[in-house]
Amino acid sequence: MNVRRHIPTAVMAGASVLGMLALSACSDSGGDRADGKLHVTASFYPMEFLAKEIGKDHVKVTDLTSPGTEPHDLELTPRQTADLGESDAVVYLKGIQPTVDQAVAQSGVKHVVDAASLTQLKKHGGEVDGHAHTTGDNGTGHDEHEGHDHEGNGNDPHIWLDPVKFSQVAKGVGKALADADPAHKADYARNTDDLVKKLGDLNKKFEDGLKNRKSDTFITTHAAFGYLAERYGLTEEAISGIDPESSDVSGSRMKELQKLAKDHHVDTVFFETLTNPAMAKTLAKDLGVRTAVLDPIEGITDKSQGKDYVQVMESNLAALQKALGAK
């Protein structure tokens, strides 16, 4: 009798991953590379963008989340887990991808930067019947929902959609890359300064572009734009909560959104590129309004309204201006 076939597949897979981790732990991830580059692993697109903008020619960046994949749903392969352990540096955002959090914790990589530790995270709005409500503050950046612990307590992870917060993260990533590759410290510092200026210019575009508006309220499929709403004094009303795949939306919530849309003259329901737009289209049909894309920029695909973070954010600004009646 073949005893091996009675060994559970999950056990074999776990053993395989542990074996690869052990091998990668033995490798000298901080040693010289044949290509002369710092090998950086990024958890998903916003982190990849930062690493490439700051590292430029000095880095080789691997994104764990392929284009078109919903980051929240990512499951790492054993090969990805092993490759992560061989990185010179890792740039990730703790609390948005549990499988990545676990792999990073076990990787043994010396130079790891958690974007969530570089700025203040907050709980955006009260979760009621699977929905989220976030009210801005005309740009001051503060509300009553403060939060510091981002490990599974309901804090909003979408910090990259606020250019000011993303700039804070960029500075931390620049320091981390410089620590991992001191020989190019000056270049990383210069590239970080350039990116911070670019993000500052983007923030100014949003401030100016949303000043003269007829409405403050916009409706989205899931609560990804809390920091953006807070930064520019807007109110986000989400059909579902922080989880983009949540489909548990009550009839009372849909009725609430219908009344809200009429009261605040909402003429657009926003959906995004990586998730099912069915809920948004159903609500829009009931209201007799249009749908449009407001991209949370969790990945760049051929459906994205731009080729990189800045261009898609500018497209988001144009979409918000149209929906809010901004001149």
C-alpha atoms as a PDB file:
ATOM      1  CA  MET A   1       0.000   0.000   0.000  1.00  0.00           C
ATOM      2  CA  ASN A   2       1.273   3.463  -0.917  1.00  0.00           C
ATOM      3  CA  VAL A   3       1.299   5.342   2.393  1.00  0.00           C
ATOM      4  CA  ARG A   4       2.291   8.675   0.820  1.00  0.00           C
ATOM      5  CA  ARG A   5      -1.092   9.172  -0.801  1.00  0.00           C
ATOM      6  CA  HIS A   6      -2.673   9.451   2.650  1.00  0.00           C
ATOM      7  CA  ILE A   7      -0.678  12.575   3.501  1.00  0.00           C
ATOM      8  CA  PRO A   8      -3.029  15.599   3.227  1.00  0.00           C
ATOM      9  CA  THR A   9      -2.309  17.962   0.342  1.00  0.00           C
ATOM     10  CA  ALA A  10      -2.355  20.969   2.691  1.00  0.00           C
ATOM     11  CA  VAL A  11       0.423  19.412   4.775  1.00  0.00           C
ATOM     12  CA  MET A  12       2.564  18.783   1.714  1.00  0.00           C
ATOM     13  CA  ALA A  13       1.995  22.340   0.471  1.00  0.00           C
ATOM     14  CA  GLY A  14       2.892  23.758   3.869  1.00  0.00           C
ATOM     15  CA  ALA A  15       6.055  21.726   4.001  1.00  0.00           C
ATOM     16  CA  SER A  16       6.992  22.954   0.538  1.00  0.00           C
ATOM     17  CA  VAL A  17       6.572  26.582   1.545  1.00  0.00           C
ATOM     18  CA  LEU A  18       8.548  26.092   4.762  1.00  0.00           C
ATOM     19  CA  GLY A  19      11.315  24.433   2.807  1.00  0.00           C
ATOM     20  CA  MET A  20      11.532  27.327   0.380  1.00  0.00           C
ATOM     21  CA  LEU A  21      11.532  29.823   3.240  1.00  0.00           C
ATOM     22  CA  ALA A  22      14.379  27.936   4.881  1.00  0.00           C
ATOM     23  CA  LEU A  23      16.395  28.032   1.669  1.00  0.00           C
ATOM     24  CA  SER A  24      15.745  31.734   1.134  1.00  0.00           C
ATOM     25  CA  ALA A  25      16.649  32.515   4.749  1.00  0.00           C
ATOM     26  CA  CYS A  26      20.048  30.954   4.124  1.00  0.00           C
ATOM     27  CA  SER A  27      20.680  33.172   1.108  1.00  0.00           C
ATOM     28  CA  ASP A  28      22.497  36.466   1.456  1.00  0.00           C
ATOM     29  CA  SER A  29      19.658  38.804   0.401  1.00  0.00           C
ATOM     30  CA  GLY A  30      21.778  41.834   1.150  1.00  0.00           C
ATOM     31  CA  GLY A  31      24.717  40.707  -0.966  1.00  0.00           C
ATOM     32  CA  ASP A  32      25.816  42.078  -4.334  1.00  0.00           C
ATOM     33  CA  ARG A  33      23.553  41.222  -7.271  1.00  0.00           C
ATOM     34  CA  ALA A  34      24.814  40.278 -10.694  1.00  0.00           C
ATOM     35  CA  ASP A  35      22.660  43.041 -12.175  1.00  0.00           C
ATOM     36  CA  GLY A  36      23.914  45.598  -9.650  1.00  0.00           C
ATOM     37  CA  LYS A  37      20.375  46.487  -8.575  1.00  0.00           C
ATOM     38  CA  LEU A  38      18.548  46.500  -5.275  1.00  0.00           C
ATOM     39  CA  HIS A  39      15.826  43.836  -5.522  1.00  0.00           C
ATOM     40  CA  VAL A  40      12.614  45.198  -4.018  1.00  0.00           C
ATOM     41  CA  THR A  41       9.345  43.320  -3.533  1.00  0.00           C
ATOM     42  CA  ALA A  42       6.176  45.435  -3.494  1.00  0.00           C
ATOM     43  CA  SER A  43       2.878  44.075  -2.210  1.00  0.00           C
ATOM     44  CA  PHE A  44       0.598  45.799  -4.744  1.00  0.00           C
ATOM     45  CA  TYR A  45       0.572  48.669  -7.246  1.00  0.00           C
ATOM     46  CA  PRO A  46       0.736  51.761  -4.977  1.00  0.00           C
ATOM     47  CA  MET A  47       3.787  50.296  -3.250  1.00  0.00           C
ATOM     48  CA  GLU A  48       5.306  49.346  -6.622  1.00  0.00           C
ATOM     49  CA  PHE A  49       4.796  52.925  -7.821  1.00  0.00           C
ATOM     50  CA  LEU A  50       6.665  54.337  -4.829  1.00  0.00           C
ATOM     51  CA  ALA A  51       9.550  51.882  -5.137  1.00  0.00           C
ATOM     52  CA  LYS A  52      10.005  52.559  -8.855  1.00  0.00           C
ATOM     53  CA  GLU A  53       9.659  56.342  -8.595  1.00  0.00           C
ATOM     54  CA  ILE A  54      12.171  56.537  -5.767  1.00  0.00           C
ATOM     55  CA  GLY A  55      14.519  53.742  -6.827  1.00  0.00           C
ATOM     56  CA  LYS A  56      14.472  54.337 -10.589  1.00  0.00           C
ATOM     57  CA  ASP A  57      17.486  52.686 -12.274  1.00  0.00           C
ATOM     58  CA  HIS A  58      18.941  51.446  -8.989  1.00  0.00           C
ATOM     59  CA  VAL A  59      16.141  48.983  -8.257  1.00  0.00           C
ATOM     60  CA  LYS A  60      14.442  45.954  -9.718  1.00  0.00           C
ATOM     61  CA  VAL A  61      10.869  45.876  -8.407  1.00  0.00           C
ATOM     62  CA  THR A  62       8.655  42.787  -8.266  1.00  0.00           C
ATOM     63  CA  ASP A  63       4.932  43.336  -7.620  1.00  0.00           C
ATOM     64  CA  LEU A  64       3.269  40.429  -5.823  1.00  0.00           C
ATOM     65  CA  THR A  65      -0.156  41.450  -7.161  1.00  0.00           C
ATOM     66  CA  SER A  66      -0.472  41.063 -10.913  1.00  0.00           C
ATOM     67  CA  PRO A  67      -2.463  43.666 -12.905  1.00  0.00           C
ATOM     68  CA  GLY A  68      -6.189  42.972 -12.786  1.00  0.00           C
ATOM     69  CA  THR A  69      -6.039  41.062  -9.493  1.00  0.00           C
ATOM     70  CA  GLU A  70      -8.040  42.419  -6.546  1.00  0.00           C
ATOM     71  CA  PRO A  71      -5.300  42.999  -3.929  1.00  0.00           C
ATOM     72  CA  HIS A  72      -7.534  42.077  -0.977  1.00  0.00           C
ATOM     73  CA  ASP A  73      -8.001  38.579  -2.442  1.00  0.00           C
ATOM     74  CA  LEU A  74      -4.336  37.826  -3.179  1.00  0.00           C
ATOM     75  CA  GLU A  75      -3.069  34.327  -2.364  1.00  0.00           C
ATOM     76  CA  LEU A  76       0.699  33.884  -2.699  1.00  0.00           C
ATOM     77  CA  THR A  77       2.198  30.896  -4.453  1.00  0.00           C
ATOM     78  CA  PRO A  78       5.040  29.007  -2.758  1.00  0.00           C
ATOM     79  CA  ARG A  79       7.405  30.455  -5.380  1.00  0.00           C
ATOM     80  CA  GLN A  80       6.308  34.019  -4.596  1.00  0.00           C
ATOM     81  CA  THR A  81       6.786  33.387  -0.890  1.00  0.00           C
ATOM     82  CA  ALA A  82      10.281  32.064  -1.468  1.00  0.00           C
ATOM     83  CA  ASP A  83      11.199  34.931  -3.801  1.00  0.00           C
ATOM     84  CA  LEU A  84       9.975  37.448  -1.248  1.00  0.00           C
ATOM     85  CA  GLY A  85      12.404  35.957   1.277  1.00  0.00           C
ATOM     86  CA  GLU A  86      15.270  36.589  -1.149  1.00  0.00           C
ATOM     87  CA  SER A  87      14.468  40.295  -1.540  1.00  0.00           C
ATOM     88  CA  ASP A  88      16.858  43.025  -0.486  1.00  0.00           C
ATOM     89  CA  ALA A  89      13.893  45.128   0.631  1.00  0.00           C
ATOM     90  CA  VAL A  90      10.121  44.797   0.949  1.00  0.00           C
ATOM     91  CA  VAL A  91       7.588  47.619   0.636  1.00  0.00           C
ATOM     92  CA  TYR A  92       4.075  46.682   1.750  1.00  0.00           C
ATOM     93  CA  LEU A  93       0.967  47.975   3.538  1.00  0.00           C
ATOM     94  CA  LYS A  94       0.095  45.905   6.571  1.00  0.00           C
ATOM     95  CA  GLY A  95      -3.579  45.161   7.082  1.00  0.00           C
ATOM     96  CA  ILE A  96      -4.797  45.002   3.485  1.00  0.00           C
ATOM     97  CA  GLN A  97      -3.392  41.640   2.340  1.00  0.00           C
ATOM     98  CA  PRO A  98      -3.226  39.055   5.162  1.00  0.00           C
ATOM     99  CA  THR A  99      -1.296  36.523   3.076  1.00  0.00           C
ATOM    100  CA  VAL A 100       1.417  39.125   2.414  1.00  0.00           C
ATOM    101  CA  ASP A 101       1.522  40.170   6.071  1.00  0.00           C
ATOM    102  CA  GLN A 102       2.182  36.568   7.073  1.00  0.00           C
ATOM    103  CA  ALA A 103       4.834  36.011   4.415  1.00  0.00           C
ATOM    104  CA  VAL A 104       6.689  39.216   5.323  1.00  0.00           C
ATOM    105  CA  ALA A 105       6.675  38.301   9.013  1.00  0.00           C
ATOM    106  CA  GLN A 106       8.263  34.940   8.206  1.00  0.00           C
ATOM    107  CA  SER A 107      10.636  36.153   5.495  1.00  0.00           C
ATOM    108  CA  GLY A 108      13.619  37.260   7.545  1.00  0.00           C
ATOM    109  CA  VAL A 109      14.237  40.180   5.166  1.00  0.00           C
ATOM    110  CA  LYS A 110      16.200  42.903   6.958  1.00  0.00           C
ATOM    111  CA  HIS A 111      14.893  45.978   5.161  1.00  0.00           C
ATOM    112  CA  VAL A 112      11.095  46.001   5.428  1.00  0.00           C
ATOM    113  CA  VAL A 113       8.939  49.116   5.314  1.00  0.00           C
ATOM    114  CA  ASP A 114       5.261  49.043   6.271  1.00  0.00           C
ATOM    115  CA  ALA A 115       3.446  51.976   4.662  1.00  0.00           C
ATOM    116  CA  ALA A 116       0.759  51.825   7.354  1.00  0.00           C
ATOM    117  CA  SER A 117       3.363  52.750   9.976  1.00  0.00           C
ATOM    118  CA  LEU A 118       4.399  55.915   8.125  1.00  0.00           C
ATOM    119  CA  THR A 119       1.170  57.877   8.480  1.00  0.00           C
ATOM    120  CA  GLN A 120      -1.861  57.944  10.742  1.00  0.00           C
ATOM    121  CA  LEU A 121      -4.621  55.467   9.949  1.00  0.00           C
ATOM    122  CA  LYS A 122      -8.234  56.156  10.856  1.00  0.00           C
ATOM    123  CA  LYS A 123     -11.616  54.511  11.051  1.00  0.00           C
ATOM    124  CA  HIS A 124     -13.709  56.153   8.392  1.00  0.00           C
ATOM    125  CA  GLY A 125     -17.346  56.425   9.330  1.00  0.00           C
ATOM    126  CA  GLY A 126     -19.597  54.114  11.273  1.00  0.00           C
ATOM    127  CA  GLU A 127     -20.362  50.765   9.657  1.00  0.00           C
ATOM    128  CA  VAL A 128     -24.132  50.342   9.587  1.00  0.00           C
ATOM    129  CA  ASP A 129     -25.890  47.582   7.639  1.00  0.00           C
ATOM    130  CA  GLY A 130     -22.712  46.986   5.644  1.00  0.00           C
ATOM    131  CA  HIS A 131     -22.257  50.597   4.542  1.00  0.00           C
ATOM    132  CA  ALA A 132     -19.810  53.314   5.363  1.00  0.00           C
ATOM    133  CA  HIS A 133     -20.286  57.048   5.678  1.00  0.00           C
ATOM    134  CA  THR A 134     -17.310  59.380   5.662  1.00  0.00           C
ATOM    135  CA  THR A 135     -17.703  63.101   6.137  1.00  0.00           C
ATOM    136  CA  GLY A 136     -14.813  65.391   5.325  1.00  0.00           C
ATOM    137  CA  ASP A 137     -13.711  68.478   7.146  1.00  0.00           C
ATOM    138  CA  ASN A 138     -12.952  70.981   4.412  1.00  0.00           C
ATOM    139  CA  GLY A 139      -9.373  69.843   4.176  1.00  0.00           C
ATOM    140  CA  THR A 140      -8.059  70.034   7.718  1.00  0.00           C
ATOM    141  CA  GLY A 141      -7.422  66.313   7.768  1.00  0.00           C
ATOM    142  CA  HIS A 142      -8.996  65.516  11.127  1.00  0.00           C
ATOM    143  CA  ASP A 143     -12.276  64.066  12.314  1.00  0.00           C
ATOM    144  CA  GLU A 144     -13.584  62.334  15.396  1.00  0.00           C
ATOM    145  CA  HIS A 145     -12.634  58.849  14.205  1.00  0.00           C
ATOM    146  CA  GLU A 146      -9.008  58.584  15.208  1.00  0.00           C
ATOM    147  CA  GLY A 147      -7.098  55.327  15.043  1.00  0.00           C
ATOM    148  CA  HIS A 148      -3.520  54.222  15.469  1.00  0.00           C
ATOM    149  CA  ASP A 149      -3.608  50.420  15.513  1.00  0.00           C
ATOM    150  CA  HIS A 150      -4.083  49.160  11.959  1.00  0.00           C
ATOM    151  CA  GLU A 151      -4.003  45.428  12.660  1.00  0.00           C
ATOM    152  CA  GLY A 152      -7.507  44.227  11.905  1.00  0.00           C
ATOM    153  CA  ASN A 153      -9.463  46.736  13.977  1.00  0.00           C
ATOM    154  CA  GLY A 154     -11.388  48.272  11.095  1.00  0.00           C
ATOM    155  CA  ASN A 155      -9.058  51.137  10.205  1.00  0.00           C
ATOM    156  CA  ASP A 156      -9.169  52.289   6.600  1.00  0.00           C
ATOM    157  CA  PRO A 157      -6.053  51.127   4.692  1.00  0.00           C
ATOM    158  CA  HIS A 158      -6.582  53.296   1.556  1.00  0.00           C
ATOM    159  CA  ILE A 159      -4.004  55.929   2.501  1.00  0.00           C
ATOM    160  CA  TRP A 160      -2.560  56.231  -1.019  1.00  0.00           C
ATOM    161  CA  LEU A 161      -5.739  57.974  -2.262  1.00  0.00           C
ATOM    162  CA  ASP A 162      -4.797  61.045  -0.210  1.00  0.00           C
ATOM    163  CA  PRO A 163      -1.757  62.649  -1.915  1.00  0.00           C
ATOM    164  CA  VAL A 164      -0.666  64.213   1.371  1.00  0.00           C
ATOM    165  CA  LYS A 165      -0.611  60.893   3.218  1.00  0.00           C
ATOM    166  CA  PHE A 166       0.978  59.185   0.220  1.00  0.00           C
ATOM    167  CA  SER A 167       3.721  61.804   0.345  1.00  0.00           C
ATOM    168  CA  GLN A 168       4.394  60.928   3.998  1.00  0.00           C
ATOM    169  CA  VAL A 169       4.682  57.282   3.001  1.00  0.00           C
ATOM    170  CA  ALA A 170       7.027  58.174   0.129  1.00  0.00           C
ATOM    171  CA  LYS A 171       9.460  59.812   2.539  1.00  0.00           C
ATOM    172  CA  GLY A 172       9.579  56.657   4.658  1.00  0.00           C
ATOM    173  CA  VAL A 173      10.117  54.432   1.627  1.00  0.00           C
ATOM    174  CA  GLY A 174      12.956  56.687   0.463  1.00  0.00           C
ATOM    175  CA  LYS A 175      14.718  56.303   3.817  1.00  0.00           C
ATOM    176  CA  ALA A 176      14.233  52.530   3.751  1.00  0.00           C
ATOM    177  CA  LEU A 177      15.762  52.174   0.285  1.00  0.00           C
ATOM    178  CA  ALA A 178      18.676  54.368   1.321  1.00  0.00           C
ATOM    179  CA  ASP A 179      19.282  52.155   4.368  1.00  0.00           C
ATOM    180  CA  ALA A 180      19.246  49.070   2.160  1.00  0.00           C
ATOM    181  CA  ASP A 181      21.539  50.628  -0.455  1.00  0.00           C
ATOM    182  CA  PRO A 182      23.690  53.364   1.142  1.00  0.00           C
ATOM    183  CA  ALA A 183      25.840  53.724  -1.980  1.00  0.00           C
ATOM    184  CA  HIS A 184      22.941  55.443  -3.751  1.00  0.00           C
ATOM    185  CA  LYS A 185      21.561  57.333  -0.770  1.00  0.00           C
ATOM    186  CA  ALA A 186      21.833  60.729  -2.484  1.00  0.00           C
ATOM    187  CA  ASP A 187      19.903  59.524  -5.533  1.00  0.00           C
ATOM    188  CA  TYR A 188      17.126  58.067  -3.394  1.00  0.00           C
ATOM    189  CA  ALA A 189      16.875  61.336  -1.467  1.00  0.00           C
ATOM    190  CA  ARG A 190      16.685  63.381  -4.674  1.00  0.00           C
ATOM    191  CA  ASN A 191      14.094  61.062  -6.230  1.00  0.00           C
ATOM    192  CA  THR A 192      12.032  61.171  -3.034  1.00  0.00           C
ATOM    193  CA  ASP A 193      12.061  64.977  -3.089  1.00  0.00           C
ATOM    194  CA  ASP A 194      10.931  64.953  -6.728  1.00  0.00           C
ATOM    195  CA  LEU A 195       8.068  62.582  -5.942  1.00  0.00           C
ATOM    196  CA  VAL A 196       6.996  64.566  -2.887  1.00  0.00           C
ATOM    197  CA  LYS A 197       6.821  67.690  -5.059  1.00  0.00           C
ATOM    198  CA  LYS A 198       4.794  65.812  -7.666  1.00  0.00           C
ATOM    199  CA  LEU A 199       2.349  64.664  -5.003  1.00  0.00           C
ATOM    200  CA  GLY A 200       2.196  68.189  -3.597  1.00  0.00           C
ATOM    201  CA  ASP A 201       1.257  69.498  -7.041  1.00  0.00           C
ATOM    202  CA  LEU A 202      -1.431  66.804  -7.273  1.00  0.00           C
ATOM    203  CA  ASN A 203      -2.846  67.841  -3.910  1.00  0.00           C
ATOM    204  CA  LYS A 204      -3.008  71.466  -5.108  1.00  0.00           C
ATOM    205  CA  LYS A 205      -4.901  70.361  -8.232  1.00  0.00           C
ATOM    206  CA  PHE A 206      -7.499  68.629  -6.064  1.00  0.00           C
ATOM    207  CA  GLU A 207      -7.796  71.602  -3.711  1.00  0.00           C
ATOM    208  CA  ASP A 208      -8.282  74.064  -6.558  1.00  0.00           C
ATOM    209  CA  GLY A 209     -10.369  71.750  -8.714  1.00  0.00           C
ATOM    210  CA  LEU A 210     -12.932  70.977  -6.013  1.00  0.00           C
ATOM    211  CA  LYS A 211     -13.301  74.459  -4.499  1.00  0.00           C
ATOM    212  CA  ASN A 212     -16.342  75.697  -6.376  1.00  0.00           C
ATOM    213  CA  ARG A 213     -18.744  72.759  -6.335  1.00  0.00           C
ATOM    214  CA  LYS A 214     -22.507  72.400  -6.140  1.00  0.00           C
ATOM    215  CA  SER A 215     -22.507  69.243  -4.003  1.00  0.00           C
ATOM    216  CA  ASP A 216     -20.234  67.651  -1.410  1.00  0.00           C
ATOM    217  CA  THR A 217     -21.641  64.114  -1.587  1.00  0.00           C
ATOM    218  CA  PHE A 218     -20.631  61.233  -3.844  1.00  0.00           C
ATOM    219  CA  ILE A 219     -21.704  57.577  -3.881  1.00  0.00           C
ATOM    220  CA  THR A 220     -19.273  54.695  -4.411  1.00  0.00           C
ATOM    221  CA  THR A 221     -19.534  50.913  -4.439  1.00  0.00           C
ATOM    222  CA  HIS A 222     -17.161  50.437  -1.503  1.00  0.00           C
ATOM    223  CA  ALA A 223     -15.590  52.756   1.037  1.00  0.00           C
ATOM    224  CA  ALA A 224     -12.184  53.292  -0.548  1.00  0.00           C
ATOM    225  CA  PHE A 225     -12.164  57.096  -0.675  1.00  0.00           C
ATOM    226  CA  GLY A 226     -12.457  58.039   2.982  1.00  0.00           C
ATOM    227  CA  TYR A 227      -9.075  59.771   3.190  1.00  0.00           C
ATOM    228  CA  LEU A 228      -9.682  61.611  -0.073  1.00  0.00           C
ATOM    229  CA  ALA A 229     -13.116  62.761   1.137  1.00  0.00           C
ATOM    230  CA  GLU A 230     -11.666  63.875   4.444  1.00  0.00           C
ATOM    231  CA  ARG A 231      -8.814  65.772   2.814  1.00  0.00           C
ATOM    232  CA  TYR A 232     -11.050  67.833   0.512  1.00  0.00           C
ATOM    233  CA  GLY A 233     -14.142  68.299   2.658  1.00  0.00           C
ATOM    234  CA  LEU A 234     -16.349  65.810   0.807  1.00  0.00           C
ATOM    235  CA  THR A 235     -18.808  63.166   1.981  1.00  0.00           C
ATOM    236  CA  GLU A 236     -18.427  59.624   0.715  1.00  0.00           C
ATOM    237  CA  GLU A 237     -21.475  57.362   0.862  1.00  0.00           C
ATOM    238  CA  ALA A 238     -20.573  53.752   0.100  1.00  0.00           C
ATOM    239  CA  ILE A 239     -23.009  51.039  -0.916  1.00  0.00           C
ATOM    240  CA  SER A 240     -20.908  48.520   1.007  1.00  0.00           C
ATOM    241  CA  GLY A 241     -18.090  48.923   3.518  1.00  0.00           C
ATOM    242  CA  ILE A 242     -14.304  48.729   3.386  1.00  0.00           C
ATOM    243  CA  ASP A 243     -14.423  45.239   1.826  1.00  0.00           C
ATOM    244  CA  PRO A 244     -14.812  45.681  -1.960  1.00  0.00           C
ATOM    245  CA  GLU A 245     -16.258  42.195  -2.402  1.00  0.00           C
ATOM    246  CA  SER A 246     -19.035  42.606   0.152  1.00  0.00           C
ATOM    247  CA  SER A 247     -22.450  41.944  -1.381  1.00  0.00           C
ATOM    248  CA  ASP A 248     -24.426  41.987   1.861  1.00  0.00           C
ATOM    249  CA  VAL A 249     -26.372  45.209   1.322  1.00  0.00           C
ATOM    250  CA  SER A 250     -29.767  45.574   2.945  1.00  0.00           C
ATOM    251  CA  GLY A 251     -32.869  46.886   1.264  1.00  0.00           C
ATOM    252  CA  SER A 252     -33.047  49.633   3.857  1.00  0.00           C
ATOM    253  CA  ARG A 253     -29.540  50.785   2.886  1.00  0.00           C
ATOM    254  CA  MET A 254     -30.520  50.984  -0.776  1.00  0.00           C
ATOM    255  CA  LYS A 255     -33.596  53.045   0.168  1.00  0.00           C
ATOM    256  CA  GLU A 256     -31.398  55.273   2.318  1.00  0.00           C
ATOM    257  CA  LEU A 257     -29.077  55.887  -0.620  1.00  0.00           C
ATOM    258  CA  GLN A 258     -32.018  56.674  -2.874  1.00  0.00           C
ATOM    259  CA  LYS A 259     -33.242  59.368  -0.467  1.00  0.00           C
ATOM    260  CA  LEU A 260     -29.710  60.675   0.063  1.00  0.00           C
ATOM    261  CA  ALA A 261     -29.132  60.975  -3.694  1.00  0.00           C
ATOM    262  CA  LYS A 262     -32.311  63.023  -4.122  1.00  0.00           C
ATOM    263  CA  ASP A 263     -31.616  65.240  -1.110  1.00  0.00           C
ATOM    264  CA  HIS A 264     -28.044  66.003  -2.208  1.00  0.00           C
ATOM    265  CA  HIS A 265     -28.672  66.135  -5.970  1.00  0.00           C
ATOM    266  CA  VAL A 266     -26.382  63.205  -6.678  1.00  0.00           C
ATOM    267  CA  ASP A 267     -26.354  62.417 -10.397  1.00  0.00           C
ATOM    268  CA  THR A 268     -23.621  59.755 -10.466  1.00  0.00           C
ATOM    269  CA  VAL A 269     -22.958  56.396  -8.827  1.00  0.00           C
ATOM    270  CA  PHE A 270     -19.277  55.482  -8.993  1.00  0.00           C
ATOM    271  CA  PHE A 271     -17.904  52.003  -9.539  1.00  0.00           C
ATOM    272  CA  GLU A 272     -14.336  50.766  -9.955  1.00  0.00           C
ATOM    273  CA  THR A 273     -12.358  48.782 -12.485  1.00  0.00           C
ATOM    274  CA  LEU A 274     -11.386  45.648 -10.528  1.00  0.00           C
ATOM    275  CA  THR A 275     -14.737  44.696  -8.973  1.00  0.00           C
ATOM    276  CA  ASN A 276     -18.233  43.819 -10.167  1.00  0.00           C
ATOM    277  CA  PRO A 277     -20.214  47.007 -11.014  1.00  0.00           C
ATOM    278  CA  ALA A 278     -23.623  45.304 -10.668  1.00  0.00           C
ATOM    279  CA  MET A 279     -24.632  47.039  -7.416  1.00  0.00           C
ATOM    280  CA  ALA A 280     -23.677  50.470  -8.736  1.00  0.00           C
ATOM    281  CA  LYS A 281     -25.601  49.934 -11.951  1.00  0.00           C
ATOM    282  CA  THR A 282     -28.664  48.660 -10.091  1.00  0.00           C
ATOM    283  CA  LEU A 283     -28.738  51.702  -7.812  1.00  0.00           C
ATOM    284  CA  ALA A 284     -28.082  54.090 -10.694  1.00  0.00           C
ATOM    285  CA  LYS A 285     -30.940  52.553 -12.681  1.00  0.00           C
ATOM    286  CA  ASP A 286     -33.317  52.923  -9.738  1.00  0.00           C
ATOM    287  CA  LEU A 287     -32.297  56.555  -9.334  1.00  0.00           C
ATOM    288  CA  GLY A 288     -32.272  57.381 -13.018  1.00  0.00           C
ATOM    289  CA  VAL A 289     -28.670  58.614 -12.835  1.00  0.00           C
ATOM    290  CA  ARG A 290     -25.477  57.722 -14.634  1.00  0.00           C
ATOM    291  CA  THR A 291     -22.535  55.554 -13.576  1.00  0.00           C
ATOM    292  CA  ALA A 292     -18.860  56.463 -13.859  1.00  0.00           C
ATOM    293  CA  VAL A 293     -15.480  55.140 -12.752  1.00  0.00           C
ATOM    294  CA  LEU A 294     -13.739  56.344  -9.610  1.00  0.00           C
ATOM    295  CA  ASP A 295     -10.594  54.249  -9.489  1.00  0.00           C
ATOM    296  CA  PRO A 296      -9.080  53.230  -6.114  1.00  0.00           C
ATOM    297  CA  ILE A 297      -5.832  52.593  -8.033  1.00  0.00           C
ATOM    298  CA  GLU A 298      -5.153  49.181  -6.562  1.00  0.00           C
ATOM    299  CA  GLY A 299      -3.737  48.099  -9.921  1.00  0.00           C
ATOM    300  CA  ILE A 300      -3.134  49.490 -13.410  1.00  0.00           C
ATOM    301  CA  THR A 301      -4.791  47.654 -16.312  1.00  0.00           C
ATOM    302  CA  ASP A 302      -5.819  48.495 -19.869  1.00  0.00           C
ATOM    303  CA  LYS A 303      -9.120  49.704 -18.365  1.00  0.00           C
ATOM    304  CA  SER A 304      -7.404  52.293 -16.157  1.00  0.00           C
ATOM    305  CA  GLN A 305      -7.919  55.954 -17.016  1.00  0.00           C
ATOM    306  CA  GLY A 306      -4.185  56.611 -17.124  1.00  0.00           C
ATOM    307  CA  LYS A 307      -0.856  54.823 -17.242  1.00  0.00           C
ATOM    308  CA  ASP A 308       0.275  55.522 -13.678  1.00  0.00           C
ATOM    309  CA  TYR A 309      -0.862  56.697 -10.241  1.00  0.00           C
ATOM    310  CA  VAL A 310      -0.733  60.423 -10.991  1.00  0.00           C
ATOM    311  CA  GLN A 311      -2.629  60.157 -14.271  1.00  0.00           C
ATOM    312  CA  VAL A 312      -5.372  58.013 -12.749  1.00  0.00           C
ATOM    313  CA  MET A 313      -5.695  60.394  -9.805  1.00  0.00           C
ATOM    314  CA  GLU A 314      -6.122  63.251 -12.284  1.00  0.00           C
ATOM    315  CA  SER A 315      -8.843  61.223 -14.012  1.00  0.00           C
ATOM    316  CA  ASN A 316     -10.491  60.708 -10.616  1.00  0.00           C
ATOM    317  CA  LEU A 317     -10.409  64.459 -10.062  1.00  0.00           C
ATOM    318  CA  ALA A 318     -12.101  65.085 -13.409  1.00  0.00           C
ATOM    319  CA  ALA A 319     -14.779  62.482 -12.569  1.00  0.00           C
ATOM    320  CA  LEU A 320     -15.443  64.073  -9.171  1.00  0.00           C
ATOM    321  CA  GLN A 321     -15.595  67.569 -10.672  1.00  0.00           C
ATOM    322  CA  LYS A 322     -18.248  66.441 -13.145  1.00  0.00           C
ATOM    323  CA  ALA A 323     -20.272  64.579 -10.503  1.00  0.00           C
ATOM    324  CA  LEU A 324     -20.099  67.398  -7.935  1.00  0.00           C
ATOM    325  CA  GLY A 325     -20.684  70.236 -10.381  1.00  0.00           C
ATOM    326  CA  ALA A 326     -17.261  71.786  -9.762  1.00  0.00           C
ATOM    327  CA  LYS A 327     -16.130  74.512 -12.152  1.00  0.00           C
END
